[in-house]
Amino acid sequence: MEDLVVESTFGQDRARRRALIIGQQYLVYPMSPRKKKHRGRRGVIESFDDDFMPHFALVRFDDTNRLGKVDISDLMPAKPHHET
């Protein structure tokens, strides 16, 4: 499995640092309140757009089972949820 360590910042004092791993589930949650696309959706990373310095991840969303292109700085690890 390929993993990637990402550090993203928004403004001056907010920062996120996490490892992104292909095949794991993530939640799309941008730090900027203006970014609305895919906000709150959950999905699995399929691949990255570049091997050296990727900017986007291809994510297969759980709700529609479709692929979407998401900025890697907008991804947060998803907590496991149980379907009833």
Protein backbone atom coordinates (compact mmCIF):
# COMPACT_ATOMS: atom_id res chain seq x y z
CA MET A 1 0.00 0.00 0.00
CA GLU A 2 1.15 3.48 -0.83
CA ASP A 3 0.91 6.13 1.86
CA LEU A 4 1.41 9.86 1.83
CA VAL A 5 1.99 12.31 4.67
CA VAL A 6 0.13 15.58 4.10
CA GLU A 7 0.30 18.85 5.99
CA SER A 8 -2.24 21.48 5.02
CA THR A 9 -2.86 24.92 6.41
CA PHE A 10 -5.68 27.42 6.19
CA GLY A 11 -5.16 30.88 7.57
CA GLN A 12 -2.35 31.41 10.02
CA ASP A 13 -3.10 29.18 12.98
CA ARG A 14 -5.01 26.14 11.71
CA ALA A 15 -3.06 23.17 10.39
CA ARG A 16 -3.67 19.46 9.76
CA ARG A 17 -1.09 16.72 9.47
CA ARG A 18 -2.03 13.14 8.64
CA ALA A 19 -1.03 10.14 6.57
CA LEU A 20 -3.22 9.25 3.60
CA ILE A 21 -3.29 5.58 2.62
CA ILE A 22 -4.80 4.09 -0.53
CA GLY A 23 -7.67 1.77 0.34
CA GLN A 24 -8.60 3.49 3.60
CA GLN A 25 -11.79 5.46 4.23
CA TYR A 26 -11.77 9.25 4.56
CA LEU A 27 -14.23 12.06 5.09
CA VAL A 28 -14.17 15.13 2.84
CA TYR A 29 -14.03 18.09 5.20
CA PRO A 30 -12.32 21.22 3.80
CA MET A 31 -10.90 23.75 6.27
CA SER A 32 -12.21 26.62 4.16
CA PRO A 33 -15.92 27.25 4.77
CA ARG A 34 -16.25 28.41 1.15
CA LYS A 35 -15.44 24.96 -0.27
CA LYS A 36 -18.77 23.18 -0.63
CA LYS A 37 -18.11 20.45 -3.20
CA HIS A 38 -18.16 16.94 -1.71
CA ARG A 39 -18.27 18.37 1.85
CA GLY A 40 -19.38 15.74 4.36
CA ARG A 41 -19.08 12.83 1.95
CA ARG A 42 -17.24 9.67 2.88
CA GLY A 43 -15.22 7.45 0.56
CA VAL A 44 -12.16 5.30 -0.08
CA ILE A 45 -8.98 6.58 -1.77
CA GLU A 46 -8.36 4.73 -5.04
CA SER A 47 -5.22 6.57 -6.23
CA PHE A 48 -3.33 9.86 -6.32
CA ASP A 49 -2.83 12.11 -9.36
CA ASP A 50 0.98 12.13 -9.07
CA ASP A 51 3.57 9.91 -7.40
CA PHE A 52 5.98 12.65 -6.35
CA MET A 53 3.84 15.59 -5.20
CA PRO A 54 0.13 14.81 -5.56
CA HIS A 55 -2.53 17.49 -5.23
CA PHE A 56 -5.64 15.38 -5.79
CA ALA A 57 -6.89 11.95 -4.80
CA LEU A 58 -9.40 9.83 -6.68
CA VAL A 59 -12.01 8.83 -4.13
CA ARG A 60 -14.81 6.28 -4.56
CA PHE A 61 -17.72 7.71 -2.60
CA ASP A 62 -19.83 5.39 -0.42
CA ASP A 63 -23.18 7.03 -1.20
CA THR A 64 -23.05 6.75 -5.01
CA ASN A 65 -20.13 4.34 -5.62
CA ARG A 66 -18.75 6.85 -8.14
CA LEU A 67 -15.24 8.26 -8.42
CA GLY A 68 -14.54 11.89 -7.62
CA LYS A 69 -11.45 14.08 -7.63
CA VAL A 70 -10.77 15.58 -4.20
CA ASP A 71 -8.04 17.95 -3.02
CA ILE A 72 -5.86 15.91 -0.65
CA SER A 73 -5.80 18.70 1.92
CA ASP A 74 -9.59 18.29 2.30
CA LEU A 75 -9.44 14.66 3.47
CA MET A 76 -9.69 13.58 7.10
CA PRO A 77 -9.65 10.00 8.44
CA ALA A 78 -13.21 8.76 8.82
CA LYS A 79 -14.35 7.18 12.04
CA PRO A 80 -15.91 3.77 11.48
CA HIS A 81 -19.67 3.93 11.36
CA HIS A 82 -22.09 1.05 11.81
CA GLU A 83 -25.01 0.70 9.45
CA THR A 84 -28.28 -0.43 10.99
